[in-house]
Amino acid sequence: MVVVSGFVSEEKWDHLQQPAHPSQLEPQYRVLLAALDLGWRVEEPVYLRPRWSDDGPRVYHFILRRSRLAPPRLVSVPEGPAVGGFVRAEGLRLVVGR
């Protein structure tokens, strides 16, 4: 990890944006799990909102933070059983919007 003037470099986050290995999991869910493995933390609450319109598919919005000084990151993951189970298993506070 590269630290410049007290800030963590973008190198680690940029690495998460690279194509992942094939998997049955939603790619953005894999990005979320990889970020957590690298030390990012979910900042509560997690939001579940429609993607494009009120009647469209919904997505979870996770705000991730690595440290107090680092800027937060947003990871949007389409609704599905795996990510819903993750939110419940972690006991994350969920705000459902319209």
N, C-alpha and C. Protein backbone atom coordinates (compact mmCIF):
# COMPACT_ATOMS: atom_id res chain seq x y z
N MET A 1 0.84 -1.16 0.00
CA MET A 1 0.00 0.00 0.00
C MET A 1 0.89 1.23 0.00
N VAL A 2 0.53 2.21 -0.78
CA VAL A 2 1.29 3.44 -0.86
C VAL A 2 0.56 4.53 -0.09
N VAL A 3 1.27 5.19 0.82
CA VAL A 3 0.68 6.28 1.59
C VAL A 3 1.41 7.55 1.23
N VAL A 4 0.66 8.57 0.81
CA VAL A 4 1.23 9.85 0.44
C VAL A 4 0.57 10.92 1.29
N SER A 5 1.35 11.63 2.06
CA SER A 5 0.84 12.69 2.93
C SER A 5 -0.35 12.24 3.77
N GLY A 6 -0.29 11.03 4.30
CA GLY A 6 -1.35 10.55 5.17
C GLY A 6 -2.55 9.95 4.46
N PHE A 7 -2.57 9.93 3.12
CA PHE A 7 -3.71 9.38 2.39
C PHE A 7 -3.32 8.08 1.72
N VAL A 8 -4.24 7.14 1.69
CA VAL A 8 -4.02 5.86 1.02
C VAL A 8 -4.18 6.07 -0.47
N SER A 9 -3.27 5.50 -1.27
CA SER A 9 -3.34 5.70 -2.71
C SER A 9 -4.56 5.02 -3.29
N GLU A 10 -4.89 5.38 -4.50
CA GLU A 10 -6.03 4.81 -5.22
C GLU A 10 -5.70 3.45 -5.80
N GLU A 11 -4.45 3.02 -5.69
CA GLU A 11 -3.99 1.79 -6.33
C GLU A 11 -4.84 0.59 -5.94
N LYS A 12 -5.12 0.39 -4.66
CA LYS A 12 -5.89 -0.76 -4.21
C LYS A 12 -7.31 -0.72 -4.75
N TRP A 13 -7.96 0.45 -4.71
CA TRP A 13 -9.33 0.54 -5.21
C TRP A 13 -9.37 0.28 -6.71
N ASP A 14 -8.44 0.83 -7.45
CA ASP A 14 -8.40 0.62 -8.89
C ASP A 14 -8.26 -0.85 -9.23
N HIS A 15 -7.50 -1.59 -8.42
CA HIS A 15 -7.32 -3.02 -8.65
C HIS A 15 -8.65 -3.75 -8.55
N LEU A 16 -9.55 -3.31 -7.67
CA LEU A 16 -10.85 -3.95 -7.52
C LEU A 16 -11.72 -3.80 -8.76
N GLN A 17 -11.44 -2.82 -9.58
CA GLN A 17 -12.27 -2.56 -10.75
C GLN A 17 -11.89 -3.43 -11.95
N GLN A 18 -10.86 -4.21 -11.81
CA GLN A 18 -10.43 -5.10 -12.90
C GLN A 18 -11.40 -6.27 -13.03
N PRO A 19 -11.50 -6.86 -14.24
CA PRO A 19 -12.41 -7.99 -14.41
C PRO A 19 -12.06 -9.12 -13.45
N ALA A 20 -13.10 -9.71 -12.87
CA ALA A 20 -12.91 -10.80 -11.91
C ALA A 20 -12.96 -12.14 -12.63
N HIS A 21 -12.55 -13.17 -11.94
CA HIS A 21 -12.63 -14.52 -12.48
C HIS A 21 -14.09 -14.92 -12.64
N PRO A 22 -14.41 -15.79 -13.60
CA PRO A 22 -15.80 -16.22 -13.79
C PRO A 22 -16.37 -16.81 -12.50
N SER A 23 -17.63 -16.51 -12.24
CA SER A 23 -18.28 -16.99 -11.02
C SER A 23 -19.78 -16.89 -11.22
N GLN A 24 -20.51 -17.59 -10.39
CA GLN A 24 -21.96 -17.52 -10.41
C GLN A 24 -22.46 -16.25 -9.70
N LEU A 25 -21.58 -15.61 -8.93
CA LEU A 25 -21.97 -14.41 -8.19
C LEU A 25 -22.00 -13.20 -9.10
N GLU A 26 -22.89 -12.29 -8.79
CA GLU A 26 -22.98 -11.00 -9.48
C GLU A 26 -21.62 -10.30 -9.40
N PRO A 27 -21.11 -9.78 -10.53
CA PRO A 27 -19.77 -9.14 -10.51
C PRO A 27 -19.63 -8.03 -9.47
N GLN A 28 -20.64 -7.20 -9.30
CA GLN A 28 -20.53 -6.11 -8.32
C GLN A 28 -20.54 -6.65 -6.89
N TYR A 29 -21.17 -7.78 -6.67
CA TYR A 29 -21.13 -8.41 -5.35
C TYR A 29 -19.72 -8.92 -5.08
N ARG A 30 -19.06 -9.45 -6.10
CA ARG A 30 -17.66 -9.89 -5.95
C ARG A 30 -16.76 -8.70 -5.64
N VAL A 31 -17.03 -7.54 -6.25
CA VAL A 31 -16.26 -6.33 -5.95
C VAL A 31 -16.43 -5.96 -4.48
N LEU A 32 -17.66 -6.02 -4.00
CA LEU A 32 -17.92 -5.72 -2.58
C LEU A 32 -17.14 -6.67 -1.67
N LEU A 33 -17.22 -7.96 -1.94
CA LEU A 33 -16.51 -8.93 -1.10
C LEU A 33 -15.00 -8.74 -1.16
N ALA A 34 -14.47 -8.43 -2.34
CA ALA A 34 -13.03 -8.19 -2.48
C ALA A 34 -12.61 -6.95 -1.69
N ALA A 35 -13.42 -5.91 -1.74
CA ALA A 35 -13.10 -4.68 -0.99
C ALA A 35 -13.07 -4.98 0.51
N LEU A 36 -14.02 -5.76 0.99
CA LEU A 36 -14.04 -6.11 2.41
C LEU A 36 -12.81 -6.92 2.78
N ASP A 37 -12.38 -7.82 1.89
CA ASP A 37 -11.16 -8.59 2.13
C ASP A 37 -9.93 -7.70 2.21
N LEU A 38 -9.96 -6.56 1.51
CA LEU A 38 -8.82 -5.64 1.51
C LEU A 38 -8.89 -4.62 2.65
N GLY A 39 -9.86 -4.75 3.54
CA GLY A 39 -9.91 -3.87 4.69
C GLY A 39 -10.93 -2.76 4.64
N TRP A 40 -11.71 -2.66 3.57
CA TRP A 40 -12.79 -1.67 3.52
C TRP A 40 -13.89 -2.12 4.45
N ARG A 41 -14.66 -1.17 4.98
CA ARG A 41 -15.77 -1.48 5.89
C ARG A 41 -17.05 -0.85 5.35
N VAL A 42 -18.16 -1.54 5.58
CA VAL A 42 -19.46 -1.00 5.19
C VAL A 42 -19.88 0.05 6.21
N GLU A 43 -20.23 1.20 5.70
CA GLU A 43 -20.73 2.28 6.55
C GLU A 43 -22.26 2.21 6.51
N GLU A 44 -22.88 1.99 7.65
CA GLU A 44 -24.33 1.85 7.69
C GLU A 44 -25.01 3.21 7.62
N PRO A 45 -26.23 3.22 7.10
CA PRO A 45 -27.03 2.09 6.66
C PRO A 45 -26.70 1.70 5.22
N VAL A 46 -27.18 0.53 4.84
CA VAL A 46 -27.16 0.09 3.45
C VAL A 46 -28.52 0.48 2.87
N TYR A 47 -28.51 0.96 1.64
CA TYR A 47 -29.75 1.41 1.01
C TYR A 47 -30.18 0.41 -0.06
N LEU A 48 -31.47 0.13 -0.13
CA LEU A 48 -32.04 -0.70 -1.18
C LEU A 48 -33.05 0.17 -1.91
N ARG A 49 -32.74 0.46 -3.18
CA ARG A 49 -33.56 1.40 -3.95
C ARG A 49 -33.74 0.89 -5.37
N PRO A 50 -34.79 1.39 -6.03
CA PRO A 50 -34.96 1.03 -7.45
C PRO A 50 -33.77 1.53 -8.25
N ARG A 51 -33.40 0.76 -9.26
CA ARG A 51 -32.24 1.13 -10.08
C ARG A 51 -32.54 2.34 -10.94
N TRP A 52 -33.58 2.30 -11.73
CA TRP A 52 -33.85 3.39 -12.67
C TRP A 52 -35.17 4.10 -12.40
N SER A 53 -36.20 3.35 -12.06
CA SER A 53 -37.52 3.94 -11.83
C SER A 53 -38.18 3.22 -10.66
N ASP A 54 -39.30 3.74 -10.23
CA ASP A 54 -39.99 3.15 -9.08
C ASP A 54 -40.40 1.71 -9.29
N ASP A 55 -40.63 1.31 -10.54
CA ASP A 55 -41.07 -0.06 -10.79
C ASP A 55 -39.95 -0.93 -11.38
N GLY A 56 -38.74 -0.41 -11.41
CA GLY A 56 -37.61 -1.15 -11.97
C GLY A 56 -36.97 -2.07 -10.96
N PRO A 57 -35.95 -2.81 -11.40
CA PRO A 57 -35.21 -3.69 -10.46
C PRO A 57 -34.53 -2.84 -9.39
N ARG A 58 -34.30 -3.46 -8.24
CA ARG A 58 -33.69 -2.73 -7.13
C ARG A 58 -32.22 -3.09 -6.98
N VAL A 59 -31.47 -2.17 -6.37
CA VAL A 59 -30.06 -2.39 -6.10
C VAL A 59 -29.75 -1.98 -4.66
N TYR A 60 -28.78 -2.68 -4.10
CA TYR A 60 -28.25 -2.31 -2.78
C TYR A 60 -27.13 -1.30 -3.02
N HIS A 61 -27.13 -0.24 -2.23
CA HIS A 61 -26.05 0.75 -2.28
C HIS A 61 -25.25 0.62 -0.98
N PHE A 62 -23.99 0.22 -1.13
CA PHE A 62 -23.09 0.08 0.00
C PHE A 62 -22.10 1.24 -0.04
N ILE A 63 -22.00 1.97 1.05
CA ILE A 63 -20.97 3.00 1.18
C ILE A 63 -19.83 2.35 1.94
N LEU A 64 -18.66 2.34 1.32
CA LEU A 64 -17.48 1.70 1.92
C LEU A 64 -16.47 2.75 2.34
N ARG A 65 -15.82 2.51 3.44
CA ARG A 65 -14.78 3.42 3.92
C ARG A 65 -13.62 2.58 4.41
N ARG A 66 -12.42 3.02 4.09
CA ARG A 66 -11.23 2.31 4.53
C ARG A 66 -10.62 2.95 5.76
N SER A 67 -10.66 4.26 5.81
CA SER A 67 -10.16 4.99 6.98
C SER A 67 -10.91 6.32 7.05
N ARG A 68 -10.75 7.00 8.15
CA ARG A 68 -11.44 8.28 8.32
C ARG A 68 -11.00 9.32 7.30
N LEU A 69 -9.75 9.26 6.89
CA LEU A 69 -9.22 10.27 5.97
C LEU A 69 -9.46 9.93 4.50
N ALA A 70 -9.69 8.67 4.21
CA ALA A 70 -9.89 8.26 2.82
C ALA A 70 -11.32 8.56 2.39
N PRO A 71 -11.49 8.95 1.13
CA PRO A 71 -12.85 9.20 0.65
C PRO A 71 -13.66 7.91 0.60
N PRO A 72 -14.96 8.00 0.87
CA PRO A 72 -15.79 6.79 0.80
C PRO A 72 -15.99 6.37 -0.65
N ARG A 73 -16.37 5.13 -0.84
CA ARG A 73 -16.67 4.57 -2.16
C ARG A 73 -18.08 4.02 -2.13
N LEU A 74 -18.76 4.09 -3.26
CA LEU A 74 -20.10 3.54 -3.40
C LEU A 74 -20.03 2.31 -4.28
N VAL A 75 -20.58 1.20 -3.80
CA VAL A 75 -20.70 -0.01 -4.60
C VAL A 75 -22.19 -0.32 -4.67
N SER A 76 -22.73 -0.37 -5.89
CA SER A 76 -24.13 -0.70 -6.11
C SER A 76 -24.21 -2.13 -6.61
N VAL A 77 -24.99 -2.96 -5.91
CA VAL A 77 -25.09 -4.38 -6.21
C VAL A 77 -26.56 -4.71 -6.48
N PRO A 78 -26.87 -5.30 -7.65
CA PRO A 78 -28.26 -5.67 -7.93
C PRO A 78 -28.81 -6.61 -6.85
N GLU A 79 -30.09 -6.44 -6.56
CA GLU A 79 -30.75 -7.27 -5.55
C GLU A 79 -30.71 -8.74 -5.97
N GLY A 80 -30.45 -9.59 -5.02
CA GLY A 80 -30.42 -11.03 -5.28
C GLY A 80 -30.29 -11.77 -3.96
N PRO A 81 -30.47 -13.09 -4.00
CA PRO A 81 -30.44 -13.87 -2.77
C PRO A 81 -29.09 -13.80 -2.04
N ALA A 82 -27.99 -13.82 -2.77
CA ALA A 82 -26.68 -13.82 -2.13
C ALA A 82 -26.42 -12.52 -1.37
N VAL A 83 -26.68 -11.40 -2.01
CA VAL A 83 -26.40 -10.12 -1.35
C VAL A 83 -27.41 -9.85 -0.25
N GLY A 84 -28.67 -10.26 -0.44
CA GLY A 84 -29.66 -10.13 0.63
C GLY A 84 -29.27 -10.94 1.85
N GLY A 85 -28.77 -12.15 1.61
CA GLY A 85 -28.30 -13.00 2.70
C GLY A 85 -27.11 -12.39 3.41
N PHE A 86 -26.22 -11.76 2.65
CA PHE A 86 -25.05 -11.09 3.23
C PHE A 86 -25.49 -9.97 4.17
N VAL A 87 -26.43 -9.15 3.72
CA VAL A 87 -26.90 -8.03 4.55
C VAL A 87 -27.51 -8.55 5.85
N ARG A 88 -28.32 -9.61 5.76
CA ARG A 88 -28.93 -10.18 6.96
C ARG A 88 -27.88 -10.83 7.87
N ALA A 89 -26.98 -11.60 7.28
CA ALA A 89 -25.95 -12.30 8.08
C ALA A 89 -25.04 -11.33 8.82
N GLU A 90 -24.75 -10.19 8.20
CA GLU A 90 -23.88 -9.19 8.83
C GLU A 90 -24.64 -8.29 9.79
N GLY A 91 -25.97 -8.40 9.80
CA GLY A 91 -26.77 -7.56 10.69
C GLY A 91 -26.72 -6.10 10.32
N LEU A 92 -26.57 -5.80 9.04
CA LEU A 92 -26.46 -4.42 8.59
C LEU A 92 -27.83 -3.73 8.60
N ARG A 93 -27.85 -2.50 9.05
CA ARG A 93 -29.08 -1.72 9.04
C ARG A 93 -29.43 -1.40 7.58
N LEU A 94 -30.67 -1.69 7.19
CA LEU A 94 -31.11 -1.53 5.81
C LEU A 94 -32.22 -0.48 5.74
N VAL A 95 -32.07 0.45 4.80
CA VAL A 95 -33.10 1.46 4.53
C VAL A 95 -33.63 1.15 3.14
N VAL A 96 -34.93 0.86 3.08
CA VAL A 96 -35.57 0.54 1.79
C VAL A 96 -36.25 1.80 1.30
N GLY A 97 -35.86 2.23 0.10
CA GLY A 97 -36.42 3.45 -0.49
C GLY A 97 -37.25 3.16 -1.71
N ARG A 98 -37.87 4.20 -2.19
CA ARG A 98 -38.69 4.07 -3.40
C ARG A 98 -38.07 4.79 -4.54
